[in-house]
Protein backbone atom coordinates (compact mmCIF):
# COMPACT_ATOMS: atom_id res chain seq x y z
CA UNK A 1 98.05 87.41 141.25
CA UNK A 2 98.75 91.07 141.09
CA UNK A 3 95.80 93.35 140.79
CA UNK A 4 96.47 95.32 137.62
CA UNK A 5 94.11 98.08 136.81
CA UNK A 6 93.98 99.29 133.20
CA UNK A 7 93.10 102.96 132.75
CA UNK A 8 91.07 103.54 129.61
CA UNK A 9 92.62 105.94 127.12
CA UNK A 10 91.05 109.39 127.16
CA UNK A 11 91.95 111.69 124.33
CA UNK A 12 93.79 114.92 125.08
CA UNK A 13 92.87 118.07 123.20
CA UNK A 14 95.87 119.45 121.26
CA UNK A 15 94.58 122.99 121.70
CA UNK A 16 94.23 123.22 125.46
CA UNK A 17 95.85 119.96 126.70
CA UNK A 18 92.75 119.00 128.63
CA UNK A 19 91.40 115.51 128.75
CA UNK A 20 88.27 115.47 126.68
CA UNK A 21 85.60 113.01 125.80
CA UNK A 22 85.25 111.67 122.31
CA UNK A 23 84.72 115.19 120.94
CA UNK A 24 86.30 118.59 121.70
CA UNK A 25 84.40 121.63 120.45
CA UNK A 26 87.55 123.78 120.35
CA UNK A 27 89.30 121.26 118.09
CA UNK A 28 86.24 120.94 115.89
CA UNK A 29 86.05 124.68 115.26
CA UNK A 30 89.81 124.80 114.68
CA UNK A 31 89.59 121.93 112.19
CA UNK A 32 86.78 123.71 110.34
CA UNK A 33 88.87 126.88 110.13
CA UNK A 34 91.89 124.89 108.94
CA UNK A 35 89.79 123.12 106.33
CA UNK A 36 88.44 126.43 105.10
CA UNK A 37 91.93 127.96 104.95
CA UNK A 38 93.20 124.88 103.10
CA UNK A 39 90.34 125.19 100.64
CA UNK A 40 91.11 128.87 100.01
CA UNK A 41 94.84 128.16 99.66
CA UNK A 42 94.15 125.31 97.26
CA UNK A 43 91.86 127.52 95.17
CA UNK A 44 94.43 130.30 95.02
CA UNK A 45 97.21 127.92 93.98
CA UNK A 46 95.16 125.91 91.52
CA UNK A 47 93.26 128.79 89.92
CA UNK A 48 96.02 129.84 87.43
CA UNK A 49 96.45 126.23 86.31
CA UNK A 50 92.70 125.75 85.88
CA UNK A 51 92.45 129.04 83.98
CA UNK A 52 95.22 127.86 81.63
CA UNK A 53 93.40 124.54 81.16
CA UNK A 54 90.19 126.43 80.44
CA UNK A 55 91.95 128.58 77.84
CA UNK A 56 93.34 125.46 76.14
CA UNK A 57 89.92 123.82 76.14
CA UNK A 58 88.30 126.94 74.69
CA UNK A 59 90.98 127.07 71.98
CA UNK A 60 90.40 123.40 71.16
CA UNK A 61 86.63 124.03 71.08
CA UNK A 62 87.09 126.92 68.64
CA UNK A 63 89.23 124.68 66.39
CA UNK A 64 86.65 121.90 66.49
CA UNK A 65 83.85 124.34 65.72
CA UNK A 66 85.82 125.65 62.74
CA UNK A 67 86.45 122.10 61.50
CA UNK A 68 82.76 121.29 61.93
CA UNK A 69 81.77 124.38 59.96
CA UNK A 70 84.17 123.45 57.14
CA UNK A 71 82.86 119.89 57.04
CA UNK A 72 79.27 121.13 56.94
CA UNK A 73 80.14 123.42 54.03
CA UNK A 74 81.78 120.52 52.22
CA UNK A 75 78.77 118.31 52.93
CA UNK A 76 76.41 120.94 51.54
CA UNK A 77 78.49 121.25 48.35
CA UNK A 78 78.53 117.46 47.94
CA UNK A 79 74.77 117.30 48.48
CA UNK A 80 74.32 119.90 45.76
CA UNK A 81 76.58 118.02 43.33
CA UNK A 82 74.83 114.74 44.16
CA UNK A 83 71.41 116.30 43.57
CA UNK A 84 72.56 117.72 40.22
CA UNK A 85 73.97 114.33 39.18
CA UNK A 86 70.80 112.51 40.21
CA UNK A 87 68.70 114.96 38.20
CA UNK A 88 70.89 114.44 35.13
CA UNK A 89 70.92 110.64 35.54
CA UNK A 90 67.12 110.63 35.85
CA UNK A 91 66.78 112.78 32.71
CA UNK A 92 69.25 110.52 30.87
CA UNK A 93 67.28 107.44 31.93
CA UNK A 94 64.08 108.97 30.61
CA UNK A 95 65.80 109.84 27.31
CA UNK A 96 67.13 106.29 27.00
CA UNK A 97 63.66 104.86 27.71
CA UNK A 98 62.15 107.15 25.07
CA UNK A 99 64.74 106.11 22.48
CA UNK A 100 64.21 102.42 23.27
CA UNK A 101 60.45 102.82 22.79
CA UNK A 102 61.04 104.65 19.48
CA UNK A 103 63.50 101.98 18.33
CA UNK A 104 61.09 99.14 19.10
CA UNK A 105 58.27 100.68 17.09
C-alpha cells in the first residue's frame, strides 16, 4: 500500500496571494469597500427610476384625493336630499293620520 498523504486545502487570498486561514482581513476590508461602492452605484442608477415612480404615485394620490373629495361632496348632497325627503314624508304621514282621525269622527 502506498502511503498517500492528503494536504488539506488552505484558502489563498486573492489580494496578496498568501495562504490564509479561514479569514483574511485584507479581503474583508476590500469586500466591505466593494459592497459600499456597489450600494452607491446602485443608488445612483436606481434613483431616477425611483423618483419617476414616486412622481407617478404622487399623481395617482392626487387623483384619488380629488375623486374622494368629489364623492364626499356627492354624499353630502344626497344626505341633504334624503333628510329633506324624510322630513316631508314624516309631515305627510302626520297629515294623513290627522285626516284619518277626522274622517273616523
